[in-house]
C-alpha atoms as a PDB file:
ATOM      1  CA  MET A   1     120.513 152.576  60.560  1.00  0.00           C
ATOM      2  CA  ARG A   2     121.373 149.837  63.095  1.00  0.00           C
ATOM      3  CA  LYS A   3     121.712 147.224  60.405  1.00  0.00           C
ATOM      4  CA  THR A   4     123.762 149.527  58.164  1.00  0.00           C
ATOM      5  CA  TRP A   5     126.072 150.420  61.051  1.00  0.00           C
ATOM      6  CA  GLY A   6     126.563 146.757  61.934  1.00  0.00           C
ATOM      7  CA  TYR A   7     127.231 145.769  58.333  1.00  0.00           C
ATOM      8  CA  TRP A   8     129.838 148.488  57.760  1.00  0.00           C
ATOM      9  CA  ALA A   9     131.437 147.879  61.138  1.00  0.00           C
ATOM     10  CA  TYR A  10     131.854 144.229  60.148  1.00  0.00           C
ATOM     11  CA  LYS A  11     133.256 145.195  56.732  1.00  0.00           C
ATOM     12  CA  SER A  12     135.716 147.536  58.502  1.00  0.00           C
ATOM     13  CA  GLY A  13     137.081 144.664  60.576  1.00  0.00           C
ATOM     14  CA  VAL A  14     135.179 144.993  63.853  1.00  0.00           C
ATOM     15  CA  SER A  15     134.686 141.585  65.455  1.00  0.00           C
ATOM     16  CA  LEU A  16     131.259 140.002  65.342  1.00  0.00           C
ATOM     17  CA  ALA A  17     131.344 139.617  69.125  1.00  0.00           C
ATOM     18  CA  LEU A  18     131.603 143.389  69.589  1.00  0.00           C
ATOM     19  CA  ILE A  19     128.884 144.034  67.015  1.00  0.00           C
ATOM     20  CA  MET A  20     126.708 141.441  68.741  1.00  0.00           C
ATOM     21  CA  GLU A  21     127.093 143.300  72.053  1.00  0.00           C
ATOM     22  CA  ALA A  22     126.442 146.692  70.464  1.00  0.00           C
ATOM     23  CA  LEU A  23     123.247 145.439  68.793  1.00  0.00           C
ATOM     24  CA  ASN A  24     122.198 143.621  71.989  1.00  0.00           C
ATOM     25  CA  HIS A  25     121.828 140.258  70.245  1.00  0.00           C
ATOM     26  CA  SER A  26     121.860 137.041  72.255  1.00  0.00           C
ATOM     27  CA  SER A  27     124.245 135.147  69.959  1.00  0.00           C
ATOM     28  CA  ILE A  28     126.707 135.645  67.126  1.00  0.00           C
ATOM     29  CA  SER A  29     124.539 133.472  64.877  1.00  0.00           C
ATOM     30  CA  ASN A  30     121.655 135.939  65.339  1.00  0.00           C
ATOM     31  CA  THR A  31     123.975 138.804  64.423  1.00  0.00           C
ATOM     32  CA  LYS A  32     125.203 137.000  61.303  1.00  0.00           C
ATOM     33  CA  LYS A  33     121.613 136.371  60.181  1.00  0.00           C
ATOM     34  CA  TYR A  34     120.623 139.972  60.932  1.00  0.00           C
ATOM     35  CA  LEU A  35     123.522 141.369  58.889  1.00  0.00           C
ATOM     36  CA  GLY A  36     123.172 138.795  56.107  1.00  0.00           C
ATOM     37  CA  ILE A  37     126.669 137.394  56.615  1.00  0.00           C
ATOM     38  CA  THR A  38     127.265 134.011  54.999  1.00  0.00           C
ATOM     39  CA  GLN A  39     130.071 131.515  55.528  1.00  0.00           C
ATOM     40  CA  GLU A  40     131.497 132.627  52.188  1.00  0.00           C
ATOM     41  CA  ASP A  41     131.756 136.191  53.503  1.00  0.00           C
ATOM     42  CA  LEU A  42     133.605 134.951  56.583  1.00  0.00           C
ATOM     43  CA  ASP A  43     135.959 132.861  54.453  1.00  0.00           C
ATOM     44  CA  ASP A  44     136.794 135.958  52.380  1.00  0.00           C
ATOM     45  CA  VAL A  45     137.708 137.881  55.527  1.00  0.00           C
ATOM     46  CA  TYR A  46     140.046 135.114  56.675  1.00  0.00           C
ATOM     47  CA  MET A  47     141.657 134.770  53.237  1.00  0.00           C
ATOM     48  CA  ASN A  48     142.349 138.521  53.045  1.00  0.00           C
ATOM     49  CA  LEU A  49     144.180 138.699  56.377  1.00  0.00           C
ATOM     50  CA  ASN A  50     147.892 139.274  55.991  1.00  0.00           C
ATOM     51  CA  LEU A  51     149.440 137.442  58.924  1.00  0.00           C
END
């Protein structure tokens, strides 16, 4: 359930830094690997922001 929570938190817009802390990971890169987040996924998030 940890991985599922982290994945859906990320998809809901929670920052990777907060997810990293919640999962007690030592770096954001570890969190991205754990959740299966690719650079393409991150690019999609940035492209969908309405600033």
